[in-house]
């Protein structure tokens, strides 16, 4: 997971449980407890196509939108 973020931890975690699990959620990518399978990526400019593909069930695993760095 850290290769996706260039070695940075994620800036936010949305955890519906709350304070008892929040800190553990932040460090989950380091423990290897969650395996994220990114099977397709789309440039942000193709977000409409990405949505259509997801809605049409043409995707599997996680779908990532990418932004070009300037």
C-alpha atoms as a PDB file:
ATOM      1  CA  UNK A   1       0.000   0.000   0.000  1.00  0.00           C
ATOM      2  CA  UNK A   2       2.787   2.458   0.771  1.00  0.00           C
ATOM      3  CA  UNK A   3       4.032   2.238  -2.802  1.00  0.00           C
ATOM      4  CA  UNK A   4       0.733   3.783  -3.901  1.00  0.00           C
ATOM      5  CA  UNK A   5       1.318   6.797  -1.645  1.00  0.00           C
ATOM      6  CA  UNK A   6       5.083   7.087  -2.177  1.00  0.00           C
ATOM      7  CA  UNK A   7       5.764   5.807   1.318  1.00  0.00           C
ATOM      8  CA  UNK A   8       3.384   8.197   3.037  1.00  0.00           C
ATOM      9  CA  UNK A   9       0.621   7.145   5.387  1.00  0.00           C
ATOM     10  CA  UNK A  10      -2.894   8.031   4.408  1.00  0.00           C
ATOM     11  CA  UNK A  11      -4.044  11.509   5.474  1.00  0.00           C
ATOM     12  CA  UNK A  12      -7.470  10.353   6.656  1.00  0.00           C
ATOM     13  CA  UNK A  13      -9.303   7.192   7.712  1.00  0.00           C
ATOM     14  CA  UNK A  14     -13.080   7.015   7.826  1.00  0.00           C
ATOM     15  CA  UNK A  15     -13.768   4.589  10.645  1.00  0.00           C
ATOM     16  CA  UNK A  16     -17.396   4.029  11.563  1.00  0.00           C
ATOM     17  CA  UNK A  17     -16.492   2.426  14.896  1.00  0.00           C
ATOM     18  CA  UNK A  18     -14.696   5.421  16.355  1.00  0.00           C
ATOM     19  CA  UNK A  19     -11.998   6.095  18.897  1.00  0.00           C
ATOM     20  CA  UNK A  20     -11.423   2.475  19.943  1.00  0.00           C
ATOM     21  CA  UNK A  21     -10.188   1.467  16.475  1.00  0.00           C
ATOM     22  CA  UNK A  22      -9.087   4.749  14.870  1.00  0.00           C
ATOM     23  CA  UNK A  23      -5.365   4.630  15.653  1.00  0.00           C
ATOM     24  CA  UNK A  24      -5.142   0.983  14.620  1.00  0.00           C
ATOM     25  CA  UNK A  25      -6.873   1.870  11.346  1.00  0.00           C
ATOM     26  CA  UNK A  26      -4.186   4.435  10.550  1.00  0.00           C
ATOM     27  CA  UNK A  27      -1.427   1.818  10.791  1.00  0.00           C
ATOM     28  CA  UNK A  28      -3.244  -1.139   9.151  1.00  0.00           C
ATOM     29  CA  UNK A  29      -1.263  -0.749   5.778  1.00  0.00           C
ATOM     30  CA  UNK A  30       2.028  -1.281   7.862  1.00  0.00           C
ATOM     31  CA  UNK A  31       0.835  -4.534   9.488  1.00  0.00           C
ATOM     32  CA  UNK A  32      -0.136  -6.202   6.217  1.00  0.00           C
ATOM     33  CA  UNK A  33      -3.559  -7.008   7.671  1.00  0.00           C
ATOM     34  CA  UNK A  34      -5.311  -5.573   4.632  1.00  0.00           C
ATOM     35  CA  UNK A  35      -4.355  -6.605   1.139  1.00  0.00           C
ATOM     36  CA  UNK A  36      -5.507  -4.076  -1.443  1.00  0.00           C
ATOM     37  CA  UNK A  37      -5.824  -5.364  -4.959  1.00  0.00           C
ATOM     38  CA  UNK A  38      -5.732  -2.508  -7.463  1.00  0.00           C
ATOM     39  CA  UNK A  39      -6.842  -4.054 -10.729  1.00  0.00           C
ATOM     40  CA  UNK A  40      -7.416  -0.929 -12.753  1.00  0.00           C
ATOM     41  CA  UNK A  41      -6.431   2.713 -12.732  1.00  0.00           C
ATOM     42  CA  UNK A  42      -7.921   5.640 -14.606  1.00  0.00           C
ATOM     43  CA  UNK A  43      -6.565   9.144 -15.056  1.00  0.00           C
ATOM     44  CA  UNK A  44      -8.778  11.634 -13.238  1.00  0.00           C
ATOM     45  CA  UNK A  45      -9.777  13.143 -16.582  1.00  0.00           C
ATOM     46  CA  UNK A  46     -11.485   9.800 -17.374  1.00  0.00           C
ATOM     47  CA  UNK A  47     -13.551   9.706 -14.178  1.00  0.00           C
ATOM     48  CA  UNK A  48     -16.827   9.406 -16.131  1.00  0.00           C
ATOM     49  CA  UNK A  49     -15.536   6.285 -17.906  1.00  0.00           C
ATOM     50  CA  UNK A  50     -14.356   4.869 -14.576  1.00  0.00           C
ATOM     51  CA  UNK A  51     -17.827   5.372 -13.091  1.00  0.00           C
ATOM     52  CA  UNK A  52     -19.464   3.740 -16.100  1.00  0.00           C
ATOM     53  CA  UNK A  53     -17.131   0.740 -15.862  1.00  0.00           C
ATOM     54  CA  UNK A  54     -17.786   0.318 -12.136  1.00  0.00           C
ATOM     55  CA  UNK A  55     -21.547   0.635 -12.637  1.00  0.00           C
ATOM     56  CA  UNK A  56     -21.434  -1.881 -15.503  1.00  0.00           C
ATOM     57  CA  UNK A  57     -19.448  -4.309 -13.305  1.00  0.00           C
ATOM     58  CA  UNK A  58     -16.489  -4.248 -15.680  1.00  0.00           C
ATOM     59  CA  UNK A  59     -14.052  -3.813 -12.787  1.00  0.00           C
ATOM     60  CA  UNK A  60     -12.785  -6.039  -9.997  1.00  0.00           C
ATOM     61  CA  UNK A  61     -10.955  -5.213  -6.787  1.00  0.00           C
ATOM     62  CA  UNK A  62     -10.119  -1.583  -6.157  1.00  0.00           C
ATOM     63  CA  UNK A  63     -10.283   1.124  -8.785  1.00  0.00           C
ATOM     64  CA  UNK A  64      -7.878   4.038  -8.439  1.00  0.00           C
ATOM     65  CA  UNK A  65      -8.096   7.474 -10.044  1.00  0.00           C
ATOM     66  CA  UNK A  66      -4.667   8.955 -10.741  1.00  0.00           C
ATOM     67  CA  UNK A  67      -3.546  12.557 -10.927  1.00  0.00           C
ATOM     68  CA  UNK A  68      -0.547  13.602 -12.992  1.00  0.00           C
ATOM     69  CA  UNK A  69       2.127  15.441 -11.055  1.00  0.00           C
ATOM     70  CA  UNK A  70       3.316  18.686 -12.523  1.00  0.00           C
END
